[in-house]
Amino acid sequence: MSKQIRAIFAGTFDPIHHGHLDLIKRGADLFDKLTIGVYDHRIPSKKLIFSIEKRCELIDAVIQDLDNVNVVRFSGLLVDFADKVGATVLVRGMRVFSDFEFEFRSALANRRLNPRIETVNLMTQEEHTFLSGTTLREIASLGGDVSSMVPPIVEEALYKYYAEDREWYKNR
């Protein structure tokens, strides 16, 4: 009997974008089971536009074809969440060199908290290096075209969110 390796790819996903999806698909290929951990900020350290329910709904919609991937919301320490779902690997993405220091420190802290947890860093595809939730929210809020950066359902959700005070949405 072979050991099943369970991994977590955690984040805020506000919103999920093609960079995230690339890492999710690659993680699903590498591990037997991949849980997308959507962090439920009780006291947000950054401004979120979508509720935890909406973020989970959007992720569920765009990962339907991945049989070994599920979406779970969590709060608290990531290593505690990993224990709860039986994961031994944390999948993290790195876009640019400056991500390295943060990811390195996080991996060391997580290992200190739970030595059974390993961190695997996947380098993003070159075409996604500029993508971040912050960038997408800013572009969408100003009426920019995000269609090449997010799945259509996410694009629609972004434009609907910003439509209330944007005349440009009516002319889209």
Protein backbone atom coordinates (compact mmCIF):
# COMPACT_ATOMS: atom_id res chain seq x y z
CA MET A 1 0.00 0.00 0.00
CA SER A 2 1.51 3.31 -1.04
CA LYS A 3 1.34 6.41 1.09
CA GLN A 4 -1.10 9.07 -0.05
CA ILE A 5 0.46 12.52 0.01
CA ARG A 6 -1.94 15.30 0.90
CA ALA A 7 -1.00 18.93 0.29
CA ILE A 8 -2.47 22.35 0.94
CA PHE A 9 -2.30 25.42 -1.26
CA ALA A 10 -3.44 28.23 1.02
CA GLY A 11 -4.17 31.87 0.43
CA THR A 12 -6.69 34.65 0.47
CA PHE A 13 -7.62 34.26 -3.21
CA ASP A 14 -9.21 37.70 -3.44
CA PRO A 15 -9.67 37.03 -6.30
CA ILE A 16 -8.40 33.75 -7.69
CA HIS A 17 -6.45 34.33 -10.92
CA HIS A 18 -4.62 32.40 -13.62
CA GLY A 19 -1.40 32.35 -11.58
CA HIS A 20 -3.22 30.60 -8.74
CA LEU A 21 -4.89 28.19 -11.15
CA ASP A 22 -1.58 27.26 -12.72
CA LEU A 23 -0.17 26.39 -9.28
CA ILE A 24 -3.33 24.48 -8.34
CA LYS A 25 -3.17 22.36 -11.49
CA ARG A 26 0.52 21.66 -11.01
CA GLY A 27 -0.03 20.83 -7.33
CA ALA A 28 -2.89 18.49 -8.28
CA ASP A 29 -0.49 16.67 -10.62
CA LEU A 30 2.20 16.36 -7.94
CA PHE A 31 0.10 15.24 -4.97
CA ASP A 32 -2.61 12.66 -4.38
CA LYS A 33 -4.94 15.18 -2.75
CA LEU A 34 -4.73 18.98 -2.84
CA THR A 35 -6.80 21.13 -0.51
CA ILE A 36 -7.23 24.77 -1.41
CA GLY A 37 -7.22 26.49 1.97
CA VAL A 38 -9.06 29.79 1.73
CA TYR A 39 -8.02 31.96 4.62
CA ASP A 40 -10.92 33.47 6.55
CA HIS A 41 -9.52 36.72 7.88
CA ARG A 42 -11.23 37.40 11.20
CA ILE A 43 -9.30 40.67 11.44
CA PRO A 44 -8.18 41.44 7.89
CA SER A 45 -4.63 42.63 7.47
CA LYS A 46 -5.54 43.72 3.97
CA LYS A 47 -8.68 45.06 2.36
CA LEU A 48 -10.73 42.20 0.94
CA ILE A 49 -13.48 42.74 -1.60
CA PHE A 50 -15.10 39.30 -1.63
CA SER A 51 -16.57 37.47 1.33
CA ILE A 52 -15.14 34.08 2.31
CA GLU A 53 -18.27 32.46 0.82
CA LYS A 54 -17.84 34.26 -2.52
CA ARG A 55 -14.13 33.42 -2.72
CA CYS A 56 -14.85 29.72 -2.07
CA GLU A 57 -17.70 29.77 -4.61
CA LEU A 58 -15.46 31.25 -7.32
CA ILE A 59 -12.68 28.75 -6.64
CA ASP A 60 -15.12 25.83 -6.66
CA ALA A 61 -16.43 27.01 -10.03
CA VAL A 62 -13.00 27.11 -11.66
CA ILE A 63 -11.60 23.82 -10.29
CA GLN A 64 -14.58 21.54 -11.08
CA ASP A 65 -12.54 19.43 -13.50
CA LEU A 66 -9.86 18.58 -10.90
CA ASP A 67 -11.02 15.43 -9.12
CA ASN A 68 -8.34 15.41 -6.42
CA VAL A 69 -8.79 19.05 -5.38
CA ASN A 70 -11.20 20.46 -2.81
CA VAL A 71 -11.81 23.86 -1.26
CA VAL A 72 -11.93 24.43 2.50
CA ARG A 73 -12.06 27.69 4.43
CA PHE A 74 -9.87 28.04 7.49
CA SER A 75 -8.60 30.48 10.07
CA GLY A 76 -5.76 30.29 12.53
CA LEU A 77 -2.37 28.73 11.95
CA LEU A 78 -1.78 27.02 8.62
CA VAL A 79 0.10 24.14 10.25
CA ASP A 80 -2.90 23.46 12.51
CA PHE A 81 -5.16 23.43 9.46
CA ALA A 82 -2.72 21.02 7.76
CA ASP A 83 -3.01 18.65 10.72
CA LYS A 84 -6.79 18.93 10.64
CA VAL A 85 -7.01 17.86 6.96
CA GLY A 86 -4.15 15.35 7.17
CA ALA A 87 -1.77 17.28 4.91
CA THR A 88 2.00 17.01 5.22
CA VAL A 89 2.96 19.41 2.42
CA LEU A 90 2.36 23.12 1.95
CA VAL A 91 2.44 24.26 -1.67
CA ARG A 92 3.56 27.84 -2.14
CA GLY A 93 4.12 29.92 -5.25
CA MET A 94 6.94 32.30 -5.95
CA ARG A 95 6.54 34.96 -8.62
CA VAL A 96 9.57 37.15 -8.23
CA PHE A 97 12.84 37.09 -6.33
CA SER A 98 11.47 39.28 -3.54
CA ASP A 99 8.95 36.51 -2.69
CA PHE A 100 11.85 34.26 -1.71
CA GLU A 101 12.64 35.95 1.61
CA PHE A 102 9.02 35.87 2.79
CA GLU A 103 8.50 32.26 1.69
CA PHE A 104 11.81 31.17 3.23
CA ARG A 105 10.92 32.71 6.62
CA SER A 106 7.40 31.27 6.48
CA ALA A 107 8.69 27.78 5.69
CA LEU A 108 11.14 27.91 8.59
CA ALA A 109 8.47 29.18 11.00
CA ASN A 110 6.02 26.49 9.86
CA ARG A 111 8.67 23.80 10.29
CA ARG A 112 9.40 25.07 13.81
CA LEU A 113 5.69 24.91 14.65
CA ASN A 114 5.21 21.48 13.08
CA PRO A 115 8.31 19.51 11.95
CA ARG A 116 6.11 17.02 10.04
CA ILE A 117 5.13 19.71 7.52
CA GLU A 118 7.26 20.25 4.41
CA THR A 119 6.99 23.29 2.15
CA VAL A 120 7.25 22.94 -1.62
CA ASN A 121 7.75 26.17 -3.57
CA LEU A 122 6.67 26.20 -7.19
CA MET A 123 7.97 28.90 -9.49
CA THR A 124 5.19 30.67 -11.31
CA GLN A 125 4.96 30.55 -15.06
CA GLU A 126 6.64 33.58 -16.60
CA GLU A 127 3.39 35.00 -17.98
CA HIS A 128 1.92 35.16 -14.46
CA THR A 129 4.78 36.85 -12.60
CA PHE A 130 3.02 40.21 -12.40
CA LEU A 131 -0.31 38.84 -11.16
CA SER A 132 -1.52 39.56 -7.66
CA GLY A 133 -4.90 40.14 -6.10
CA THR A 134 -3.94 43.74 -5.39
CA THR A 135 -3.02 44.38 -9.02
CA LEU A 136 -6.22 42.76 -10.29
CA ARG A 137 -8.44 44.68 -7.88
CA GLU A 138 -6.83 47.96 -8.90
CA ILE A 139 -7.16 47.28 -12.63
CA ALA A 140 -10.79 46.17 -12.28
CA SER A 141 -11.69 49.13 -10.04
CA LEU A 142 -10.47 51.49 -12.75
CA GLY A 143 -12.36 49.69 -15.50
CA GLY A 144 -9.36 47.92 -17.02
CA ASP A 145 -9.54 44.66 -18.92
CA VAL A 146 -8.69 41.70 -16.68
CA SER A 147 -10.00 39.03 -19.06
CA SER A 148 -6.53 37.63 -19.76
CA MET A 149 -5.74 37.38 -16.05
CA VAL A 150 -8.76 35.65 -14.52
CA PRO A 151 -11.38 33.08 -15.55
CA PRO A 152 -14.59 34.59 -17.01
CA ILE A 153 -16.65 33.95 -13.85
CA VAL A 154 -14.09 35.89 -11.79
CA GLU A 155 -13.97 38.71 -14.33
CA GLU A 156 -17.75 39.03 -14.11
CA ALA A 157 -17.64 39.03 -10.29
CA LEU A 158 -14.97 41.75 -10.27
CA TYR A 159 -16.88 43.98 -12.66
CA LYS A 160 -20.12 43.49 -10.74
CA TYR A 161 -18.41 44.35 -7.48
CA TYR A 162 -17.06 47.63 -8.86
CA ALA A 163 -20.17 48.46 -10.95
CA GLU A 164 -22.06 50.27 -8.22
CA ASP A 165 -19.97 53.42 -8.49
CA ARG A 166 -18.53 53.07 -11.99
CA GLU A 167 -20.28 54.44 -15.04
CA TRP A 168 -17.81 52.58 -17.25
CA TYR A 169 -19.41 49.24 -16.32
CA LYS A 170 -22.67 50.21 -18.04
CA ASN A 171 -20.73 50.84 -21.26
CA ARG A 172 -18.82 47.55 -21.17
